[in-house]
Amino acid sequence: MATADTSPNIRRALQRLLAADGYKGSIDGSFGPQTQAALDLASAQSAISRKSANAGPWPPIRR
């Protein structure tokens, strides 16, 4: 997410969602290094979850 892509209200909403997942930074509408790090971590965790879900007994769905 680029900092110029969103308003401060959208960035605050993102920070609140990240806070529900453990983000400890300020909810200030500023997209700084703490927000970026939390977003990167959440993205990495999501990718791991998707990979784990696809590794189950069922083959991944192909479209």
Protein backbone atom coordinates (compact mmCIF):
# COMPACT_ATOMS: atom_id res chain seq x y z
CA MET A 1 0.00 0.00 0.00
CA ALA A 2 1.42 3.35 -0.97
CA THR A 3 1.02 6.21 1.49
CA ALA A 4 -0.50 8.47 -1.17
CA ASP A 5 -3.21 5.90 -1.96
CA THR A 6 -5.37 6.49 1.11
CA SER A 7 -6.77 9.15 3.35
CA PRO A 8 -5.78 9.38 7.03
CA ASN A 9 -9.17 7.88 7.94
CA ILE A 10 -8.46 4.79 5.82
CA ARG A 11 -4.96 4.49 7.30
CA ARG A 12 -6.43 4.72 10.83
CA ALA A 13 -8.94 1.97 9.97
CA LEU A 14 -6.08 -0.20 8.70
CA GLN A 15 -4.13 0.47 11.90
CA ARG A 16 -7.17 -0.53 13.99
CA LEU A 17 -7.44 -3.81 12.06
CA LEU A 18 -3.73 -4.44 12.58
CA ALA A 19 -4.11 -3.58 16.30
CA ALA A 20 -6.68 -6.34 16.62
CA ASP A 21 -3.90 -8.65 15.44
CA GLY A 22 -1.22 -7.32 17.81
CA TYR A 23 -0.01 -4.05 16.22
CA LYS A 24 1.42 -1.88 19.00
CA GLY A 25 2.01 1.34 17.06
CA SER A 26 0.00 4.52 17.20
CA ILE A 27 -3.39 4.70 15.54
CA ASP A 28 -2.74 8.11 14.10
CA GLY A 29 -3.49 7.85 10.39
CA SER A 30 0.20 8.07 9.54
CA PHE A 31 1.67 5.27 7.45
CA GLY A 32 5.12 4.99 8.98
CA PRO A 33 7.63 2.17 9.43
CA GLN A 34 5.71 0.51 12.29
CA THR A 35 2.52 0.33 10.23
CA GLN A 36 4.43 -0.99 7.22
CA ALA A 37 6.16 -3.65 9.34
CA ALA A 38 2.83 -4.76 10.84
CA LEU A 39 1.25 -4.90 7.39
CA ASP A 40 4.18 -6.93 6.02
CA LEU A 41 3.91 -9.36 8.93
CA ALA A 42 0.15 -9.74 8.51
CA SER A 43 0.64 -10.34 4.80
CA ALA A 44 3.31 -12.98 5.44
CA GLN A 45 1.13 -14.71 8.03
CA SER A 46 -1.78 -14.71 5.59
CA ALA A 47 0.39 -16.27 2.88
CA ILE A 48 1.49 -19.00 5.32
CA SER A 49 -2.14 -19.65 6.28
CA ARG A 50 -3.17 -19.94 2.63
CA LYS A 51 -0.28 -22.32 1.96
CA SER A 52 -1.19 -24.42 5.01
CA ALA A 53 -4.84 -24.54 3.97
CA ASN A 54 -3.82 -25.72 0.52
CA ALA A 55 -1.59 -28.44 2.01
CA GLY A 56 -4.54 -30.34 3.51
CA PRO A 57 -5.96 -33.65 2.27
CA TRP A 58 -7.85 -31.91 -0.54
CA PRO A 59 -6.06 -30.71 -3.65
CA PRO A 60 -6.12 -26.93 -4.18
CA ILE A 61 -9.01 -25.66 -6.26
CA ARG A 62 -7.89 -24.59 -9.70
CA ARG A 63 -9.94 -22.15 -11.75
